[in-house]
PDB file of N, CA and C in Angstrom:
ATOM      1  N   MET A   1     -54.221 -44.958  55.983  1.00  0.00           N
ATOM      2  CA  MET A   1     -53.702 -46.212  54.539  1.00  0.00           C
ATOM      3  C   MET A   1     -54.520 -47.554  55.731  1.00  0.00           C
ATOM      4  N   GLN A   2     -54.340 -46.849  57.707  1.00  0.00           N
ATOM      5  CA  GLN A   2     -55.202 -48.351  57.680  1.00  0.00           C
ATOM      6  C   GLN A   2     -56.770 -48.014  57.894  1.00  0.00           C
ATOM      7  N   LYS A   3     -57.390 -46.522  57.814  1.00  0.00           N
ATOM      8  CA  LYS A   3     -58.652 -46.549  57.884  1.00  0.00           C
ATOM      9  C   LYS A   3     -59.457 -47.050  56.296  1.00  0.00           C
ATOM     10  N   LYS A   4     -58.434 -47.341  55.444  1.00  0.00           N
ATOM     11  CA  LYS A   4     -58.511 -47.767  54.146  1.00  0.00           C
ATOM     12  C   LYS A   4     -58.767 -49.369  54.679  1.00  0.00           C
ATOM     13  N   ILE A   5     -57.676 -49.841  54.703  1.00  0.00           N
ATOM     14  CA  ILE A   5     -57.959 -51.305  55.470  1.00  0.00           C
ATOM     15  C   ILE A   5     -58.650 -52.015  56.447  1.00  0.00           C
ATOM     16  N   ASP A   6     -58.900 -51.399  57.471  1.00  0.00           N
ATOM     17  CA  ASP A   6     -60.396 -52.135  58.361  1.00  0.00           C
ATOM     18  C   ASP A   6     -61.954 -51.332  57.625  1.00  0.00           C
ATOM     19  N   ALA A   7     -62.253 -50.533  56.804  1.00  0.00           N
ATOM     20  CA  ALA A   7     -63.383 -49.794  55.667  1.00  0.00           C
ATOM     21  C   ALA A   7     -63.420 -51.220  54.518  1.00  0.00           C
ATOM     22  N   GLY A   8     -62.599 -51.201  54.509  1.00  0.00           N
ATOM     23  CA  GLY A   8     -62.410 -53.033  54.038  1.00  0.00           C
ATOM     24  C   GLY A   8     -62.375 -52.619  51.796  1.00  0.00           C
ATOM     25  N   THR A   9     -61.804 -51.627  52.062  1.00  0.00           N
ATOM     26  CA  THR A   9     -61.382 -50.713  50.185  1.00  0.00           C
ATOM     27  C   THR A   9     -61.395 -51.951  49.070  1.00  0.00           C
ATOM     28  N   GLN A  10     -61.105 -51.863  48.060  1.00  0.00           N
ATOM     29  CA  GLN A  10     -60.883 -52.768  46.983  1.00  0.00           C
ATOM     30  C   GLN A  10     -59.510 -52.063  46.682  1.00  0.00           C
ATOM     31  N   PHE A  11     -59.133 -51.058  46.478  1.00  0.00           N
ATOM     32  CA  PHE A  11     -57.313 -50.852  45.749  1.00  0.00           C
ATOM     33  C   PHE A  11     -57.379 -49.616  46.556  1.00  0.00           C
ATOM     34  N   PHE A  12     -55.793 -49.757  46.289  1.00  0.00           N
ATOM     35  CA  PHE A  12     -55.243 -47.757  46.180  1.00  0.00           C
ATOM     36  C   PHE A  12     -54.780 -47.395  45.272  1.00  0.00           C
ATOM     37  N   GLN A  13     -54.886 -46.269  45.693  1.00  0.00           N
ATOM     38  CA  GLN A  13     -54.209 -45.516  44.090  1.00  0.00           C
ATOM     39  C   GLN A  13     -53.196 -44.493  45.155  1.00  0.00           C
ATOM     40  N   SER A  14     -51.970 -44.283  44.179  1.00  0.00           N
ATOM     41  CA  SER A  14     -51.019 -43.607  44.937  1.00  0.00           C
ATOM     42  C   SER A  14     -50.965 -42.228  44.521  1.00  0.00           C
ATOM     43  N   GLN A  15     -50.711 -41.247  45.164  1.00  0.00           N
ATOM     44  CA  GLN A  15     -49.544 -40.374  44.711  1.00  0.00           C
ATOM     45  C   GLN A  15     -48.881 -40.802  43.596  1.00  0.00           C
ATOM     46  N   PRO A  16     -49.278 -39.590  42.362  1.00  0.00           N
ATOM     47  CA  PRO A  16     -47.336 -39.957  42.027  1.00  0.00           C
ATOM     48  C   PRO A  16     -46.487 -40.408  42.062  1.00  0.00           C
ATOM     49  N   LEU A  17     -45.317 -41.520  41.880  1.00  0.00           N
ATOM     50  CA  LEU A  17     -45.048 -41.665  42.696  1.00  0.00           C
ATOM     51  C   LEU A  17     -43.705 -41.870  42.006  1.00  0.00           C
ATOM     52  N   PHE A  18     -42.119 -41.298  41.989  1.00  0.00           N
ATOM     53  CA  PHE A  18     -40.910 -40.895  40.672  1.00  0.00           C
ATOM     54  C   PHE A  18     -39.017 -41.599  41.223  1.00  0.00           C
ATOM     55  N   SER A  19     -39.684 -42.150  42.349  1.00  0.00           N
ATOM     56  CA  SER A  19     -38.325 -42.906  42.451  1.00  0.00           C
ATOM     57  C   SER A  19     -38.415 -44.331  42.544  1.00  0.00           C
ATOM     58  N   ARG A  20     -37.725 -45.832  43.073  1.00  0.00           N
ATOM     59  CA  ARG A  20     -38.203 -46.315  43.914  1.00  0.00           C
ATOM     60  C   ARG A  20     -38.182 -46.576  44.989  1.00  0.00           C
ATOM     61  N   GLU A  21     -37.360 -46.225  45.545  1.00  0.00           N
ATOM     62  CA  GLU A  21     -37.599 -45.472  46.900  1.00  0.00           C
ATOM     63  C   GLU A  21     -38.577 -45.300  47.436  1.00  0.00           C
ATOM     64  N   ASP A  22     -39.470 -44.253  46.949  1.00  0.00           N
ATOM     65  CA  ASP A  22     -40.615 -44.499  47.333  1.00  0.00           C
ATOM     66  C   ASP A  22     -41.908 -45.125  47.122  1.00  0.00           C
ATOM     67  N   ILE A  23     -41.633 -45.927  46.198  1.00  0.00           N
ATOM     68  CA  ILE A  23     -42.686 -47.564  45.314  1.00  0.00           C
ATOM     69  C   ILE A  23     -43.003 -48.539  46.235  1.00  0.00           C
ATOM     70  N   GLU A  24     -41.160 -48.561  47.010  1.00  0.00           N
ATOM     71  CA  GLU A  24     -40.902 -48.914  48.388  1.00  0.00           C
ATOM     72  C   GLU A  24     -40.924 -48.952  49.089  1.00  0.00           C
ATOM     73  N   ARG A  25     -40.888 -47.790  49.571  1.00  0.00           N
ATOM     74  CA  ARG A  25     -42.068 -47.195  51.351  1.00  0.00           C
ATOM     75  C   ARG A  25     -43.576 -47.191  51.188  1.00  0.00           C
ATOM     76  N   PHE A  26     -44.284 -47.514  49.698  1.00  0.00           N
ATOM     77  CA  PHE A  26     -45.648 -47.417  49.688  1.00  0.00           C
ATOM     78  C   PHE A  26     -45.686 -48.981  50.350  1.00  0.00           C
ATOM     79  N   ILE A  27     -45.296 -49.213  49.383  1.00  0.00           N
ATOM     80  CA  ILE A  27     -45.415 -51.073  50.044  1.00  0.00           C
ATOM     81  C   ILE A  27     -45.227 -51.309  51.058  1.00  0.00           C
ATOM     82  N   THR A  28     -43.978 -50.917  52.040  1.00  0.00           N
ATOM     83  CA  THR A  28     -43.950 -51.339  53.356  1.00  0.00           C
ATOM     84  C   THR A  28     -44.527 -50.804  54.126  1.00  0.00           C
ATOM     85  N   GLU A  29     -45.535 -49.443  53.973  1.00  0.00           N
ATOM     86  CA  GLU A  29     -46.564 -48.658  54.893  1.00  0.00           C
ATOM     87  C   GLU A  29     -47.351 -50.043  54.506  1.00  0.00           C
ATOM     88  N   TYR A  30     -47.945 -51.174  53.294  1.00  0.00           N
ATOM     89  CA  TYR A  30     -49.477 -51.300  53.730  1.00  0.00           C
ATOM     90  C   TYR A  30     -48.643 -52.933  53.486  1.00  0.00           C
ATOM     91  N   GLU A  31     -47.957 -53.276  53.908  1.00  0.00           N
ATOM     92  CA  GLU A  31     -47.380 -54.843  54.732  1.00  0.00           C
ATOM     93  C   GLU A  31     -47.515 -54.203  55.704  1.00  0.00           C
ATOM     94  N   LYS A  32     -46.850 -53.430  56.539  1.00  0.00           N
ATOM     95  CA  LYS A  32     -46.961 -53.025  57.534  1.00  0.00           C
ATOM     96  C   LYS A  32     -48.330 -52.438  58.666  1.00  0.00           C
ATOM     97  N   HIS A  33     -48.993 -52.080  57.735  1.00  0.00           N
ATOM     98  CA  HIS A  33     -50.565 -52.114  58.401  1.00  0.00           C
ATOM     99  C   HIS A  33     -51.755 -52.867  57.948  1.00  0.00           C
ATOM    100  N   SER A  34     -51.262 -53.965  56.895  1.00  0.00           N
ATOM    101  CA  SER A  34     -51.988 -54.801  56.905  1.00  0.00           C
ATOM    102  C   SER A  34     -51.979 -55.656  57.119  1.00  0.00           C
ATOM    103  N   GLY A  35     -50.252 -56.047  57.699  1.00  0.00           N
ATOM    104  CA  GLY A  35     -50.470 -57.183  57.990  1.00  0.00           C
ATOM    105  C   GLY A  35     -49.950 -58.658  56.465  1.00  0.00           C
ATOM    106  N   GLU A  36     -50.186 -58.191  55.280  1.00  0.00           N
ATOM    107  CA  GLU A  36     -50.217 -58.721  54.289  1.00  0.00           C
ATOM    108  C   GLU A  36     -48.464 -58.457  53.177  1.00  0.00           C
ATOM    109  N   SER A  37     -49.171 -59.536  52.405  1.00  0.00           N
ATOM    110  CA  SER A  37     -47.709 -59.620  52.087  1.00  0.00           C
ATOM    111  C   SER A  37     -47.831 -58.189  50.846  1.00  0.00           C
ATOM    112  N   ALA A  38     -46.663 -57.727  50.279  1.00  0.00           N
ATOM    113  CA  ALA A  38     -46.834 -57.238  49.189  1.00  0.00           C
ATOM    114  C   ALA A  38     -47.659 -57.605  47.912  1.00  0.00           C
ATOM    115  N   LYS A  39     -47.402 -58.838  47.735  1.00  0.00           N
ATOM    116  CA  LYS A  39     -47.929 -59.801  46.785  1.00  0.00           C
ATOM    117  C   LYS A  39     -49.307 -59.005  46.047  1.00  0.00           C
ATOM    118  N   LYS A  40     -50.445 -59.166  47.505  1.00  0.00           N
ATOM    119  CA  LYS A  40     -51.572 -59.011  47.287  1.00  0.00           C
ATOM    120  C   LYS A  40     -51.884 -57.013  46.727  1.00  0.00           C
ATOM    121  N   MET A  41     -51.291 -57.261  47.998  1.00  0.00           N
ATOM    122  CA  MET A  41     -51.440 -55.302  47.535  1.00  0.00           C
ATOM    123  C   MET A  41     -51.265 -54.853  45.911  1.00  0.00           C
ATOM    124  N   LEU A  42     -50.366 -54.937  45.584  1.00  0.00           N
ATOM    125  CA  LEU A  42     -49.545 -55.239  44.135  1.00  0.00           C
ATOM    126  C   LEU A  42     -51.151 -55.526  43.115  1.00  0.00           C
ATOM    127  N   LYS A  43     -51.194 -56.566  43.555  1.00  0.00           N
ATOM    128  CA  LYS A  43     -52.634 -57.141  42.554  1.00  0.00           C
ATOM    129  C   LYS A  43     -53.822 -55.970  43.154  1.00  0.00           C
ATOM    130  N   MET A  44     -53.555 -54.924  43.779  1.00  0.00           N
ATOM    131  CA  MET A  44     -54.551 -54.395  43.910  1.00  0.00           C
ATOM    132  C   MET A  44     -54.108 -53.222  44.512  1.00  0.00           C
ATOM    133  N   SER A  45     -53.799 -52.128  43.421  1.00  0.00           N
ATOM    134  CA  SER A  45     -52.897 -50.525  43.324  1.00  0.00           C
ATOM    135  C   SER A  45     -52.502 -50.487  41.931  1.00  0.00           C
ATOM    136  N   ILE A  46     -53.015 -49.010  42.547  1.00  0.00           N
ATOM    137  CA  ILE A  46     -52.204 -48.109  40.646  1.00  0.00           C
ATOM    138  C   ILE A  46     -51.264 -47.580  41.743  1.00  0.00           C
ATOM    139  N   ILE A  47     -50.028 -47.734  41.124  1.00  0.00           N
ATOM    140  CA  ILE A  47     -49.288 -46.174  41.308  1.00  0.00           C
ATOM    141  C   ILE A  47     -49.000 -45.333  40.898  1.00  0.00           C
ATOM    142  N   GLY A  48     -49.678 -44.118  41.201  1.00  0.00           N
ATOM    143  CA  GLY A  48     -50.125 -43.058  40.113  1.00  0.00           C
ATOM    144  C   GLY A  48     -48.310 -42.929  39.455  1.00  0.00           C
ATOM    145  N   VAL A  49     -49.410 -42.448  38.413  1.00  0.00           N
ATOM    146  CA  VAL A  49     -48.831 -41.631  37.354  1.00  0.00           C
ATOM    147  C   VAL A  49     -48.825 -40.436  36.701  1.00  0.00           C
ATOM    148  N   LEU A  50     -46.975 -39.779  36.400  1.00  0.00           N
ATOM    149  CA  LEU A  50     -47.669 -38.241  36.157  1.00  0.00           C
ATOM    150  C   LEU A  50     -46.069 -38.001  35.146  1.00  0.00           C
ATOM    151  N   PRO A  51     -47.082 -38.113  34.126  1.00  0.00           N
ATOM    152  CA  PRO A  51     -45.852 -38.176  32.377  1.00  0.00           C
ATOM    153  C   PRO A  51     -45.625 -36.202  33.676  1.00  0.00           C
ATOM    154  N   LEU A  52     -43.755 -36.135  33.506  1.00  0.00           N
ATOM    155  CA  LEU A  52     -43.273 -34.304  33.562  1.00  0.00           C
ATOM    156  C   LEU A  52     -42.380 -34.306  31.844  1.00  0.00           C
ATOM    157  N   HIS A  53     -43.338 -33.377  31.350  1.00  0.00           N
ATOM    158  CA  HIS A  53     -42.739 -33.673  29.723  1.00  0.00           C
ATOM    159  C   HIS A  53     -41.965 -32.049  29.677  1.00  0.00           C
ATOM    160  N   ASP A  54     -41.861 -30.843  31.191  1.00  0.00           N
ATOM    161  CA  ASP A  54     -40.967 -30.092  30.996  1.00  0.00           C
ATOM    162  C   ASP A  54     -40.716 -29.763  32.496  1.00  0.00           C
ATOM    163  N   LEU A  55     -40.040 -28.208  32.468  1.00  0.00           N
ATOM    164  CA  LEU A  55     -39.881 -28.172  33.721  1.00  0.00           C
ATOM    165  C   LEU A  55     -41.193 -26.984  34.225  1.00  0.00           C
ATOM    166  N   THR A  56     -41.504 -26.323  33.078  1.00  0.00           N
ATOM    167  CA  THR A  56     -42.364 -25.464  33.655  1.00  0.00           C
ATOM    168  C   THR A  56     -43.766 -25.751  35.008  1.00  0.00           C
ATOM    169  N   VAL A  57     -43.719 -27.184  34.713  1.00  0.00           N
ATOM    170  CA  VAL A  57     -44.889 -27.338  35.525  1.00  0.00           C
ATOM    171  C   VAL A  57     -44.426 -27.935  37.334  1.00  0.00           C
ATOM    172  N   MET A  58     -42.871 -27.136  36.710  1.00  0.00           N
ATOM    173  CA  MET A  58     -42.711 -28.255  38.955  1.00  0.00           C
ATOM    174  C   MET A  58     -43.026 -26.895  39.751  1.00  0.00           C
ATOM    175  N   PRO A  59     -42.672 -26.185  39.521  1.00  0.00           N
ATOM    176  CA  PRO A  59     -43.291 -24.723  40.718  1.00  0.00           C
ATOM    177  C   PRO A  59     -44.476 -25.845  40.936  1.00  0.00           C
ATOM    178  N   ILE A  60     -45.508 -25.317  40.297  1.00  0.00           N
ATOM    179  CA  ILE A  60     -46.993 -25.722  40.339  1.00  0.00           C
ATOM    180  C   ILE A  60     -47.301 -27.458  41.121  1.00  0.00           C
ATOM    181  N   LEU A  61     -46.365 -27.785  40.251  1.00  0.00           N
ATOM    182  CA  LEU A  61     -46.540 -29.522  41.567  1.00  0.00           C
ATOM    183  C   LEU A  61     -46.055 -29.762  42.662  1.00  0.00           C
ATOM    184  N   LYS A  62     -44.765 -28.481  42.950  1.00  0.00           N
ATOM    185  CA  LYS A  62     -44.503 -28.525  44.539  1.00  0.00           C
ATOM    186  C   LYS A  62     -44.735 -28.187  45.582  1.00  0.00           C
ATOM    187  N   THR A  63     -46.388 -27.417  44.473  1.00  0.00           N
ATOM    188  CA  THR A  63     -47.136 -27.083  45.618  1.00  0.00           C
ATOM    189  C   THR A  63     -48.069 -28.265  46.346  1.00  0.00           C
ATOM    190  N   LEU A  64     -47.954 -29.203  45.709  1.00  0.00           N
ATOM    191  CA  LEU A  64     -49.795 -30.385  45.947  1.00  0.00           C
ATOM    192  C   LEU A  64     -49.294 -30.904  47.401  1.00  0.00           C
ATOM    193  N   PRO A  65     -50.366 -30.843  48.118  1.00  0.00           N
ATOM    194  CA  PRO A  65     -49.711 -32.284  49.672  1.00  0.00           C
ATOM    195  C   PRO A  65     -49.672 -33.152  48.970  1.00  0.00           C
ATOM    196  N   GLY A  66     -48.128 -33.748  49.248  1.00  0.00           N
ATOM    197  CA  GLY A  66     -48.690 -35.378  49.308  1.00  0.00           C
ATOM    198  C   GLY A  66     -47.455 -35.487  48.576  1.00  0.00           C
ATOM    199  N   LEU A  67     -47.210 -34.647  47.607  1.00  0.00           N
ATOM    200  CA  LEU A  67     -46.391 -34.803  46.138  1.00  0.00           C
ATOM    201  C   LEU A  67     -45.052 -34.880  46.342  1.00  0.00           C
ATOM    202  N   PHE A  68     -44.508 -35.449  46.068  1.00  0.00           N
ATOM    203  CA  PHE A  68     -42.563 -35.577  46.281  1.00  0.00           C
ATOM    204  C   PHE A  68     -41.862 -35.311  45.362  1.00  0.00           C
ATOM    205  N   ILE A  69     -41.437 -34.872  44.801  1.00  0.00           N
ATOM    206  CA  ILE A  69     -40.631 -34.859  43.051  1.00  0.00           C
ATOM    207  C   ILE A  69     -38.999 -34.697  43.836  1.00  0.00           C
ATOM    208  N   PRO A  70     -38.349 -35.821  43.656  1.00  0.00           N
ATOM    209  CA  PRO A  70     -36.508 -36.253  44.240  1.00  0.00           C
ATOM    210  C   PRO A  70     -36.121 -34.560  43.273  1.00  0.00           C
ATOM    211  N   LYS A  71     -34.987 -34.090  44.415  1.00  0.00           N
ATOM    212  CA  LYS A  71     -34.096 -32.879  43.207  1.00  0.00           C
ATOM    213  C   LYS A  71     -33.370 -34.027  42.785  1.00  0.00           C
ATOM    214  N   GLU A  72     -33.391 -35.353  42.149  1.00  0.00           N
ATOM    215  CA  GLU A  72     -32.428 -35.422  41.164  1.00  0.00           C
ATOM    216  C   GLU A  72     -32.969 -36.011  39.668  1.00  0.00           C
ATOM    217  N   LEU A  73     -34.849 -36.388  39.779  1.00  0.00           N
ATOM    218  CA  LEU A  73     -35.579 -35.704  38.840  1.00  0.00           C
ATOM    219  C   LEU A  73     -35.459 -34.206  37.912  1.00  0.00           C
ATOM    220  N   GLU A  74     -35.830 -34.001  39.288  1.00  0.00           N
ATOM    221  CA  GLU A  74     -35.544 -31.920  38.335  1.00  0.00           C
ATOM    222  C   GLU A  74     -34.659 -31.721  37.397  1.00  0.00           C
ATOM    223  N   GLU A  75     -33.281 -32.017  38.840  1.00  0.00           N
ATOM    224  CA  GLU A  75     -31.626 -32.067  38.315  1.00  0.00           C
ATOM    225  C   GLU A  75     -31.753 -32.191  36.681  1.00  0.00           C
ATOM    226  N   ARG A  76     -32.154 -34.008  36.207  1.00  0.00           N
ATOM    227  CA  ARG A  76     -32.205 -34.574  35.571  1.00  0.00           C
ATOM    228  C   ARG A  76     -32.741 -33.709  34.143  1.00  0.00           C
ATOM    229  N   MET A  77     -34.370 -33.206  34.076  1.00  0.00           N
ATOM    230  CA  MET A  77     -35.134 -32.646  33.428  1.00  0.00           C
ATOM    231  C   MET A  77     -33.892 -31.723  32.947  1.00  0.00           C
ATOM    232  N   GLY A  78     -33.610 -30.659  34.027  1.00  0.00           N
ATOM    233  CA  GLY A  78     -32.703 -29.423  33.651  1.00  0.00           C
ATOM    234  C   GLY A  78     -32.338 -29.793  32.171  1.00  0.00           C
ATOM    235  N   THR A  79     -31.427 -30.646  32.780  1.00  0.00           N
ATOM    236  CA  THR A  79     -30.311 -31.182  31.806  1.00  0.00           C
ATOM    237  C   THR A  79     -30.322 -31.635  30.329  1.00  0.00           C
ATOM    238  N   ALA A  80     -31.816 -32.504  30.838  1.00  0.00           N
ATOM    239  CA  ALA A  80     -32.095 -32.890  28.970  1.00  0.00           C
ATOM    240  C   ALA A  80     -32.989 -31.307  28.643  1.00  0.00           C
ATOM    241  N   GLN A  81     -33.401 -30.798  29.282  1.00  0.00           N
ATOM    242  CA  GLN A  81     -33.955 -29.650  27.990  1.00  0.00           C
ATOM    243  C   GLN A  81     -33.147 -29.019  27.890  1.00  0.00           C
ATOM    244  N   LYS A  82     -31.931 -28.606  28.290  1.00  0.00           N
ATOM    245  CA  LYS A  82     -30.929 -27.934  28.446  1.00  0.00           C
ATOM    246  C   LYS A  82     -30.106 -28.406  26.731  1.00  0.00           C
ATOM    247  N   LYS A  83     -30.448 -29.545  26.547  1.00  0.00           N
ATOM    248  CA  LYS A  83     -29.635 -30.215  24.710  1.00  0.00           C
ATOM    249  C   LYS A  83     -30.695 -29.792  23.530  1.00  0.00           C
TER     250      LYS A  83
END
């Protein structure tokens, strides 16, 4: 992230984030590396979105570098799919 800030990036796009904690960590990292407020960062960021429609894609997604799917989300999807 710091290299991008130093190079004058115009915006960030994150990997898909599936939890509030992941979004907060993304914001904290930006503030730490840039020394600027999260308010500015949120104006220049696209938080990755990836709709998860069923569990069949989960094994593939788990192999992607930089993508973290919380266990709780996977469990909730499994419960919902059984209904």
